[in-house]
């Protein structure tokens, strides 16, 4: 379990001081901290108080968690270039968690070059496009009200049809490689470099085992180029999130 990532983000309506914020982190994760050091855990946060904590008047309080052995590394989630630079200038950031996949490539122009310059790893979430790249998808309105995909613009209307066409390239290559579409999508990420480690979610053991199998899939330069072209930004229809959710992303 070396290098586990504990995503310790939480919301609060309280007006907190920096020491109070640090206390909140420690208190709310007390049950996990006992094993965090042995696992080589990384503290990952995504909100502005985290950066404020890094620049506290009495010292960079996030560093205290490292110094006291409560965590071994610090990470950020969904942070933009300016936030990453600010945080990394105070304490080395080990990894950024952010959405990156065959059909969401917004990190390629600026963020990935910055991460590599600063030697920060990338942990892509939603590497399967919230299931779309597996080929086992339905239109937005066919999902339950509580399912995030029901409100996903890329699952809606004409966007859905266009994205099914784009994703067909994944199925085609999967057929030639005797692999599943999910394995091809994950293999594409793994072939992007050793500093990129996707974290696909799974609710079943069979899907977990299928995802692990992506590590054994070999993609040629021609395969990579074909996938890059088939799912380029101009081929994907619809924004990543609706306007309300996009407003919450640090980009």
C-alpha atoms as a PDB file:
ATOM      1  CA  UNK A   1       0.000   0.000   0.000  1.00  0.00           C
ATOM      2  CA  UNK A   2       3.043   2.280  -0.367  1.00  0.00           C
ATOM      3  CA  UNK A   3       2.205   5.768  -1.556  1.00  0.00           C
ATOM      4  CA  UNK A   4      -1.478   5.804  -0.645  1.00  0.00           C
ATOM      5  CA  UNK A   5      -3.312   9.065  -1.338  1.00  0.00           C
ATOM      6  CA  UNK A   6      -5.679  10.331   1.329  1.00  0.00           C
ATOM      7  CA  UNK A   7      -7.896  12.999  -0.205  1.00  0.00           C
ATOM      8  CA  UNK A   8      -8.662  14.971   2.910  1.00  0.00           C
ATOM      9  CA  UNK A   9     -10.851  17.762   1.585  1.00  0.00           C
ATOM     10  CA  UNK A  10     -13.943  18.988   3.331  1.00  0.00           C
ATOM     11  CA  UNK A  11     -16.252  21.976   3.255  1.00  0.00           C
ATOM     12  CA  UNK A  12     -16.964  24.349   6.087  1.00  0.00           C
ATOM     13  CA  UNK A  13     -19.036  27.475   6.529  1.00  0.00           C
ATOM     14  CA  UNK A  14     -16.969  28.497   9.539  1.00  0.00           C
ATOM     15  CA  UNK A  15     -14.663  31.510   9.564  1.00  0.00           C
ATOM     16  CA  UNK A  16     -11.451  29.742  10.546  1.00  0.00           C
ATOM     17  CA  UNK A  17      -8.028  30.898  11.624  1.00  0.00           C
ATOM     18  CA  UNK A  18      -4.968  29.132  10.269  1.00  0.00           C
ATOM     19  CA  UNK A  19      -4.273  27.186  13.501  1.00  0.00           C
ATOM     20  CA  UNK A  20      -7.971  26.249  13.608  1.00  0.00           C
ATOM     21  CA  UNK A  21      -7.806  25.012  10.019  1.00  0.00           C
ATOM     22  CA  UNK A  22      -4.787  22.848  10.801  1.00  0.00           C
ATOM     23  CA  UNK A  23      -6.608  21.481  13.860  1.00  0.00           C
ATOM     24  CA  UNK A  24      -9.615  20.646  11.683  1.00  0.00           C
ATOM     25  CA  UNK A  25      -7.444  18.666   9.273  1.00  0.00           C
ATOM     26  CA  UNK A  26      -5.824  16.723  12.084  1.00  0.00           C
ATOM     27  CA  UNK A  27      -9.049  16.136  14.021  1.00  0.00           C
ATOM     28  CA  UNK A  28     -11.164  15.032  11.078  1.00  0.00           C
ATOM     29  CA  UNK A  29      -8.527  12.557   9.925  1.00  0.00           C
ATOM     30  CA  UNK A  30      -7.442  11.209  13.288  1.00  0.00           C
ATOM     31  CA  UNK A  31      -8.672   7.701  12.530  1.00  0.00           C
ATOM     32  CA  UNK A  32      -6.591   7.574   9.369  1.00  0.00           C
ATOM     33  CA  UNK A  33      -3.412   9.155  10.653  1.00  0.00           C
ATOM     34  CA  UNK A  34      -2.401   6.112  12.691  1.00  0.00           C
ATOM     35  CA  UNK A  35      -1.731   4.170   9.502  1.00  0.00           C
ATOM     36  CA  UNK A  36      -0.940   7.061   7.172  1.00  0.00           C
ATOM     37  CA  UNK A  37       2.766   7.257   7.978  1.00  0.00           C
ATOM     38  CA  UNK A  38       3.350   3.561   7.411  1.00  0.00           C
ATOM     39  CA  UNK A  39       1.525   3.710   4.076  1.00  0.00           C
ATOM     40  CA  UNK A  40       3.509   6.710   2.905  1.00  0.00           C
ATOM     41  CA  UNK A  41       0.330   8.764   2.729  1.00  0.00           C
ATOM     42  CA  UNK A  42      -0.070  12.011   0.848  1.00  0.00           C
ATOM     43  CA  UNK A  43      -2.317  14.808   2.061  1.00  0.00           C
ATOM     44  CA  UNK A  44      -4.269  16.138  -0.901  1.00  0.00           C
ATOM     45  CA  UNK A  45      -6.373  19.296  -0.695  1.00  0.00           C
ATOM     46  CA  UNK A  46      -8.081  21.484  -3.227  1.00  0.00           C
ATOM     47  CA  UNK A  47      -9.417  24.590  -1.548  1.00  0.00           C
ATOM     48  CA  UNK A  48      -8.088  28.107  -0.964  1.00  0.00           C
ATOM     49  CA  UNK A  49      -7.643  27.711   2.830  1.00  0.00           C
ATOM     50  CA  UNK A  50      -5.007  25.080   2.023  1.00  0.00           C
ATOM     51  CA  UNK A  51      -2.901  27.673   0.221  1.00  0.00           C
ATOM     52  CA  UNK A  52      -3.569  30.148   3.008  1.00  0.00           C
ATOM     53  CA  UNK A  53      -2.349  27.548   5.471  1.00  0.00           C
ATOM     54  CA  UNK A  54       0.837  27.120   3.465  1.00  0.00           C
ATOM     55  CA  UNK A  55       1.495  30.862   3.814  1.00  0.00           C
ATOM     56  CA  UNK A  56       0.470  31.325   7.451  1.00  0.00           C
ATOM     57  CA  UNK A  57       2.135  34.219   9.341  1.00  0.00           C
ATOM     58  CA  UNK A  58       3.516  31.851  11.983  1.00  0.00           C
ATOM     59  CA  UNK A  59       5.022  29.517   9.404  1.00  0.00           C
ATOM     60  CA  UNK A  60       3.816  27.165   6.675  1.00  0.00           C
ATOM     61  CA  UNK A  61       1.447  25.111   8.798  1.00  0.00           C
ATOM     62  CA  UNK A  62       0.926  22.389   6.201  1.00  0.00           C
ATOM     63  CA  UNK A  63       4.608  21.625   6.615  1.00  0.00           C
ATOM     64  CA  UNK A  64       3.924  20.877  10.272  1.00  0.00           C
ATOM     65  CA  UNK A  65       1.910  17.835   9.232  1.00  0.00           C
ATOM     66  CA  UNK A  66       4.938  16.555   7.344  1.00  0.00           C
ATOM     67  CA  UNK A  67       7.411  17.449  10.080  1.00  0.00           C
ATOM     68  CA  UNK A  68       5.301  15.741  12.732  1.00  0.00           C
ATOM     69  CA  UNK A  69       5.047  12.607  10.617  1.00  0.00           C
ATOM     70  CA  UNK A  70       1.286  12.838  10.130  1.00  0.00           C
ATOM     71  CA  UNK A  71       1.726  12.747   6.349  1.00  0.00           C
ATOM     72  CA  UNK A  72       4.740  12.227   4.114  1.00  0.00           C
ATOM     73  CA  UNK A  73       3.754  14.257   1.052  1.00  0.00           C
ATOM     74  CA  UNK A  74       1.502  17.161   0.083  1.00  0.00           C
ATOM     75  CA  UNK A  75      -0.706  17.157  -2.999  1.00  0.00           C
ATOM     76  CA  UNK A  76      -3.286  19.371  -4.674  1.00  0.00           C
ATOM     77  CA  UNK A  77      -6.552  18.616  -6.459  1.00  0.00           C
ATOM     78  CA  UNK A  78      -7.943  20.504  -9.468  1.00  0.00           C
ATOM     79  CA  UNK A  79      -5.475  23.348  -8.940  1.00  0.00           C
ATOM     80  CA  UNK A  80      -4.570  25.791 -11.689  1.00  0.00           C
ATOM     81  CA  UNK A  81      -1.096  26.894 -12.730  1.00  0.00           C
ATOM     82  CA  UNK A  82      -0.945  29.919 -10.417  1.00  0.00           C
ATOM     83  CA  UNK A  83      -2.098  27.901  -7.399  1.00  0.00           C
ATOM     84  CA  UNK A  84       0.445  25.165  -8.101  1.00  0.00           C
ATOM     85  CA  UNK A  85       3.288  27.675  -8.360  1.00  0.00           C
ATOM     86  CA  UNK A  86       2.239  29.402  -5.133  1.00  0.00           C
ATOM     87  CA  UNK A  87       1.975  26.167  -3.177  1.00  0.00           C
ATOM     88  CA  UNK A  88       5.139  24.589  -4.578  1.00  0.00           C
ATOM     89  CA  UNK A  89       7.146  27.713  -3.711  1.00  0.00           C
ATOM     90  CA  UNK A  90       6.370  27.138  -0.023  1.00  0.00           C
ATOM     91  CA  UNK A  91       6.549  23.345   0.170  1.00  0.00           C
ATOM     92  CA  UNK A  92       7.233  20.740  -2.542  1.00  0.00           C
ATOM     93  CA  UNK A  93       4.008  19.410  -4.028  1.00  0.00           C
ATOM     94  CA  UNK A  94       4.236  15.698  -4.805  1.00  0.00           C
ATOM     95  CA  UNK A  95       1.232  15.289  -7.090  1.00  0.00           C
ATOM     96  CA  UNK A  96      -1.745  16.986  -8.667  1.00  0.00           C
ATOM     97  CA  UNK A  97      -5.075  15.194  -8.912  1.00  0.00           C
ATOM     98  CA  UNK A  98      -7.090  16.461 -11.849  1.00  0.00           C
ATOM     99  CA  UNK A  99      -9.325  15.177 -14.622  1.00  0.00           C
ATOM    100  CA  UNK A 100      -7.365  13.926 -17.622  1.00  0.00           C
ATOM    101  CA  UNK A 101      -8.369  11.299 -20.130  1.00  0.00           C
ATOM    102  CA  UNK A 102      -8.682  10.598 -23.819  1.00  0.00           C
ATOM    103  CA  UNK A 103     -11.717  12.848 -23.997  1.00  0.00           C
ATOM    104  CA  UNK A 104     -10.623  15.548 -21.530  1.00  0.00           C
ATOM    105  CA  UNK A 105      -7.286  17.022 -22.567  1.00  0.00           C
ATOM    106  CA  UNK A 106      -7.393  20.500 -21.022  1.00  0.00           C
ATOM    107  CA  UNK A 107      -4.183  19.863 -19.054  1.00  0.00           C
ATOM    108  CA  UNK A 108      -1.961  19.290 -22.068  1.00  0.00           C
ATOM    109  CA  UNK A 109      -1.291  22.872 -23.136  1.00  0.00           C
ATOM    110  CA  UNK A 110      -0.091  24.399 -19.886  1.00  0.00           C
ATOM    111  CA  UNK A 111      -0.511  22.259 -16.794  1.00  0.00           C
ATOM    112  CA  UNK A 112       1.318  19.079 -17.789  1.00  0.00           C
ATOM    113  CA  UNK A 113       4.426  20.985 -18.976  1.00  0.00           C
ATOM    114  CA  UNK A 114       4.393  22.904 -15.676  1.00  0.00           C
ATOM    115  CA  UNK A 115       4.048  19.721 -13.632  1.00  0.00           C
ATOM    116  CA  UNK A 116       6.999  18.167 -15.444  1.00  0.00           C
ATOM    117  CA  UNK A 117       9.099  21.288 -15.000  1.00  0.00           C
ATOM    118  CA  UNK A 118       8.432  21.195 -11.246  1.00  0.00           C
ATOM    119  CA  UNK A 119       8.684  17.371 -11.102  1.00  0.00           C
ATOM    120  CA  UNK A 120       5.129  16.986  -9.826  1.00  0.00           C
ATOM    121  CA  UNK A 121       3.242  13.787 -10.631  1.00  0.00           C
ATOM    122  CA  UNK A 122      -0.223  13.740 -12.166  1.00  0.00           C
ATOM    123  CA  UNK A 123      -3.032  11.561 -10.790  1.00  0.00           C
ATOM    124  CA  UNK A 124      -5.878  11.697 -13.334  1.00  0.00           C
ATOM    125  CA  UNK A 125      -9.360  11.072 -11.994  1.00  0.00           C
ATOM    126  CA  UNK A 126     -12.257  10.068 -14.269  1.00  0.00           C
ATOM    127  CA  UNK A 127      -9.762   8.453 -16.670  1.00  0.00           C
ATOM    128  CA  UNK A 128     -12.622   6.572 -18.339  1.00  0.00           C
ATOM    129  CA  UNK A 129     -14.717   9.666 -18.967  1.00  0.00           C
ATOM    130  CA  UNK A 130     -17.142   8.712 -16.189  1.00  0.00           C
ATOM    131  CA  UNK A 131     -17.692   5.441 -17.967  1.00  0.00           C
ATOM    132  CA  UNK A 132     -18.203   6.821 -21.476  1.00  0.00           C
ATOM    133  CA  UNK A 133     -14.927   5.409 -22.815  1.00  0.00           C
ATOM    134  CA  UNK A 134     -15.890   1.896 -21.717  1.00  0.00           C
ATOM    135  CA  UNK A 135     -18.566   1.828 -24.410  1.00  0.00           C
ATOM    136  CA  UNK A 136     -21.207   0.819 -21.885  1.00  0.00           C
ATOM    137  CA  UNK A 137     -23.146   4.086 -21.837  1.00  0.00           C
ATOM    138  CA  UNK A 138     -26.674   5.457 -22.043  1.00  0.00           C
ATOM    139  CA  UNK A 139     -28.133   8.865 -22.716  1.00  0.00           C
ATOM    140  CA  UNK A 140     -28.220  11.266 -19.792  1.00  0.00           C
ATOM    141  CA  UNK A 141     -31.973  10.979 -19.263  1.00  0.00           C
ATOM    142  CA  UNK A 142     -31.703   7.202 -18.831  1.00  0.00           C
ATOM    143  CA  UNK A 143     -29.646   7.528 -15.669  1.00  0.00           C
ATOM    144  CA  UNK A 144     -31.202   7.995 -12.199  1.00  0.00           C
ATOM    145  CA  UNK A 145     -31.652  11.507 -10.848  1.00  0.00           C
ATOM    146  CA  UNK A 146     -28.799  11.054  -8.384  1.00  0.00           C
ATOM    147  CA  UNK A 147     -26.322   9.900 -11.068  1.00  0.00           C
ATOM    148  CA  UNK A 148     -23.822  12.622 -12.011  1.00  0.00           C
ATOM    149  CA  UNK A 149     -24.041  11.563 -15.649  1.00  0.00           C
ATOM    150  CA  UNK A 150     -27.648  12.707 -15.847  1.00  0.00           C
ATOM    151  CA  UNK A 151     -26.420  16.302 -15.777  1.00  0.00           C
ATOM    152  CA  UNK A 152     -23.261  15.728 -17.823  1.00  0.00           C
ATOM    153  CA  UNK A 153     -23.390  17.842 -21.016  1.00  0.00           C
ATOM    154  CA  UNK A 154     -21.436  15.213 -22.937  1.00  0.00           C
ATOM    155  CA  UNK A 155     -24.136  12.622 -22.304  1.00  0.00           C
ATOM    156  CA  UNK A 156     -26.911  14.881 -23.534  1.00  0.00           C
ATOM    157  CA  UNK A 157     -28.666  15.365 -26.866  1.00  0.00           C
ATOM    158  CA  UNK A 158     -26.551  15.675 -29.997  1.00  0.00           C
ATOM    159  CA  UNK A 159     -23.400  15.705 -27.867  1.00  0.00           C
ATOM    160  CA  UNK A 160     -24.062  12.092 -26.955  1.00  0.00           C
ATOM    161  CA  UNK A 161     -24.205  10.966 -30.584  1.00  0.00           C
ATOM    162  CA  UNK A 162     -21.047  12.865 -31.533  1.00  0.00           C
ATOM    163  CA  UNK A 163     -19.135  11.454 -28.591  1.00  0.00           C
ATOM    164  CA  UNK A 164     -20.230   7.891 -29.319  1.00  0.00           C
ATOM    165  CA  UNK A 165     -18.767   8.328 -32.800  1.00  0.00           C
ATOM    166  CA  UNK A 166     -15.491   9.698 -31.417  1.00  0.00           C
ATOM    167  CA  UNK A 167     -15.201   6.932 -28.827  1.00  0.00           C
ATOM    168  CA  UNK A 168     -15.643   4.252 -31.490  1.00  0.00           C
ATOM    169  CA  UNK A 169     -11.897   4.514 -32.130  1.00  0.00           C
ATOM    170  CA  UNK A 170     -11.292   3.147 -28.638  1.00  0.00           C
ATOM    171  CA  UNK A 171     -13.511   0.143 -29.350  1.00  0.00           C
ATOM    172  CA  UNK A 172     -11.818  -0.466 -32.703  1.00  0.00           C
ATOM    173  CA  UNK A 173      -8.332  -0.576 -31.203  1.00  0.00           C
ATOM    174  CA  UNK A 174      -9.597  -2.681 -28.287  1.00  0.00           C
ATOM    175  CA  UNK A 175     -10.848  -5.253 -30.780  1.00  0.00           C
ATOM    176  CA  UNK A 176      -7.472  -5.435 -32.512  1.00  0.00           C
ATOM    177  CA  UNK A 177      -5.603  -5.716 -29.215  1.00  0.00           C
ATOM    178  CA  UNK A 178      -7.903  -8.326 -27.660  1.00  0.00           C
ATOM    179  CA  UNK A 179      -8.524  -5.845 -24.861  1.00  0.00           C
ATOM    180  CA  UNK A 180     -11.507  -3.990 -23.456  1.00  0.00           C
ATOM    181  CA  UNK A 181     -12.181  -0.328 -24.310  1.00  0.00           C
ATOM    182  CA  UNK A 182     -11.501   0.578 -20.676  1.00  0.00           C
ATOM    183  CA  UNK A 183      -8.075  -1.050 -20.875  1.00  0.00           C
ATOM    184  CA  UNK A 184      -7.234   0.912 -24.014  1.00  0.00           C
ATOM    185  CA  UNK A 185      -8.272   4.215 -22.417  1.00  0.00           C
ATOM    186  CA  UNK A 186      -6.167   3.502 -19.331  1.00  0.00           C
ATOM    187  CA  UNK A 187      -3.238   2.198 -21.391  1.00  0.00           C
ATOM    188  CA  UNK A 188      -3.263   5.482 -23.335  1.00  0.00           C
ATOM    189  CA  UNK A 189      -2.705   7.336 -20.072  1.00  0.00           C
ATOM    190  CA  UNK A 190      -0.026   4.921 -18.886  1.00  0.00           C
ATOM    191  CA  UNK A 191       1.830   5.386 -22.175  1.00  0.00           C
ATOM    192  CA  UNK A 192       1.867   9.158 -21.648  1.00  0.00           C
ATOM    193  CA  UNK A 193       4.672   8.828 -19.110  1.00  0.00           C
ATOM    194  CA  UNK A 194       5.708   7.297 -15.790  1.00  0.00           C
ATOM    195  CA  UNK A 195       4.688  10.492 -13.982  1.00  0.00           C
ATOM    196  CA  UNK A 196       1.013   9.915 -14.862  1.00  0.00           C
ATOM    197  CA  UNK A 197      -0.883   7.415 -12.684  1.00  0.00           C
ATOM    198  CA  UNK A 198      -4.650   7.219 -13.320  1.00  0.00           C
ATOM    199  CA  UNK A 199      -7.131   6.342 -10.586  1.00  0.00           C
ATOM    200  CA  UNK A 200     -10.194   4.722 -12.157  1.00  0.00           C
ATOM    201  CA  UNK A 201     -13.113   4.191  -9.829  1.00  0.00           C
ATOM    202  CA  UNK A 202     -14.794   0.810  -9.590  1.00  0.00           C
ATOM    203  CA  UNK A 203     -17.698  -0.735  -7.717  1.00  0.00           C
ATOM    204  CA  UNK A 204     -16.994  -4.331  -8.677  1.00  0.00           C
ATOM    205  CA  UNK A 205     -14.068  -6.705  -8.498  1.00  0.00           C
ATOM    206  CA  UNK A 206     -14.439  -7.637 -12.164  1.00  0.00           C
ATOM    207  CA  UNK A 207     -14.048  -4.006 -13.238  1.00  0.00           C
ATOM    208  CA  UNK A 208     -11.087  -3.602 -10.916  1.00  0.00           C
ATOM    209  CA  UNK A 209      -9.369  -6.623 -12.430  1.00  0.00           C
ATOM    210  CA  UNK A 210     -10.163  -5.355 -15.917  1.00  0.00           C
ATOM    211  CA  UNK A 211      -8.622  -1.969 -15.104  1.00  0.00           C
ATOM    212  CA  UNK A 212      -5.459  -3.565 -13.721  1.00  0.00           C
ATOM    213  CA  UNK A 213      -5.099  -5.434 -16.993  1.00  0.00           C
ATOM    214  CA  UNK A 214      -4.460  -2.131 -18.762  1.00  0.00           C
ATOM    215  CA  UNK A 215      -0.867  -2.279 -17.523  1.00  0.00           C
ATOM    216  CA  UNK A 216      -0.276  -5.246 -19.845  1.00  0.00           C
ATOM    217  CA  UNK A 217      -1.632  -3.543 -22.974  1.00  0.00           C
ATOM    218  CA  UNK A 218       1.030  -2.329 -25.401  1.00  0.00           C
ATOM    219  CA  UNK A 219       0.132   0.576 -27.657  1.00  0.00           C
ATOM    220  CA  UNK A 220       2.294   1.503 -30.628  1.00  0.00           C
ATOM    221  CA  UNK A 221       3.118   5.046 -31.656  1.00  0.00           C
ATOM    222  CA  UNK A 222       0.551   4.623 -34.417  1.00  0.00           C
ATOM    223  CA  UNK A 223      -2.085   3.518 -31.900  1.00  0.00           C
ATOM    224  CA  UNK A 224      -1.385   6.540 -29.720  1.00  0.00           C
ATOM    225  CA  UNK A 225      -1.548   8.903 -32.675  1.00  0.00           C
ATOM    226  CA  UNK A 226      -4.836   7.384 -33.847  1.00  0.00           C
ATOM    227  CA  UNK A 227      -6.384   7.779 -30.395  1.00  0.00           C
ATOM    228  CA  UNK A 228      -5.064  11.325 -30.022  1.00  0.00           C
ATOM    229  CA  UNK A 229      -6.627  12.306 -33.344  1.00  0.00           C
ATOM    230  CA  UNK A 230      -9.936  10.488 -32.902  1.00  0.00           C
ATOM    231  CA  UNK A 231     -10.621  12.088 -29.519  1.00  0.00           C
ATOM    232  CA  UNK A 232      -8.992  15.484 -29.994  1.00  0.00           C
ATOM    233  CA  UNK A 233     -10.708  18.476 -28.407  1.00  0.00           C
ATOM    234  CA  UNK A 234     -12.481  19.416 -31.638  1.00  0.00           C
ATOM    235  CA  UNK A 235     -14.007  15.922 -31.903  1.00  0.00           C
ATOM    236  CA  UNK A 236     -15.520  15.925 -28.393  1.00  0.00           C
ATOM    237  CA  UNK A 237     -18.923  17.585 -28.112  1.00  0.00           C
ATOM    238  CA  UNK A 238     -19.975  19.459 -24.994  1.00  0.00           C
ATOM    239  CA  UNK A 239     -18.106  20.989 -22.058  1.00  0.00           C
ATOM    240  CA  UNK A 240     -16.568  18.964 -19.263  1.00  0.00           C
ATOM    241  CA  UNK A 241     -19.119  20.207 -16.713  1.00  0.00           C
ATOM    242  CA  UNK A 242     -22.147  22.465 -16.748  1.00  0.00           C
ATOM    243  CA  UNK A 243     -21.484  26.175 -16.170  1.00  0.00           C
ATOM    244  CA  UNK A 244     -22.199  26.000 -12.434  1.00  0.00           C
ATOM    245  CA  UNK A 245     -19.678  23.234 -11.812  1.00  0.00           C
ATOM    246  CA  UNK A 246     -17.040  24.699 -14.132  1.00  0.00           C
ATOM    247  CA  UNK A 247     -17.129  27.905 -12.104  1.00  0.00           C
ATOM    248  CA  UNK A 248     -15.779  25.907  -9.167  1.00  0.00           C
ATOM    249  CA  UNK A 249     -12.717  24.647 -11.056  1.00  0.00           C
ATOM    250  CA  UNK A 250      -9.432  26.542 -10.669  1.00  0.00           C
ATOM    251  CA  UNK A 251      -8.697  27.140 -14.364  1.00  0.00           C
END
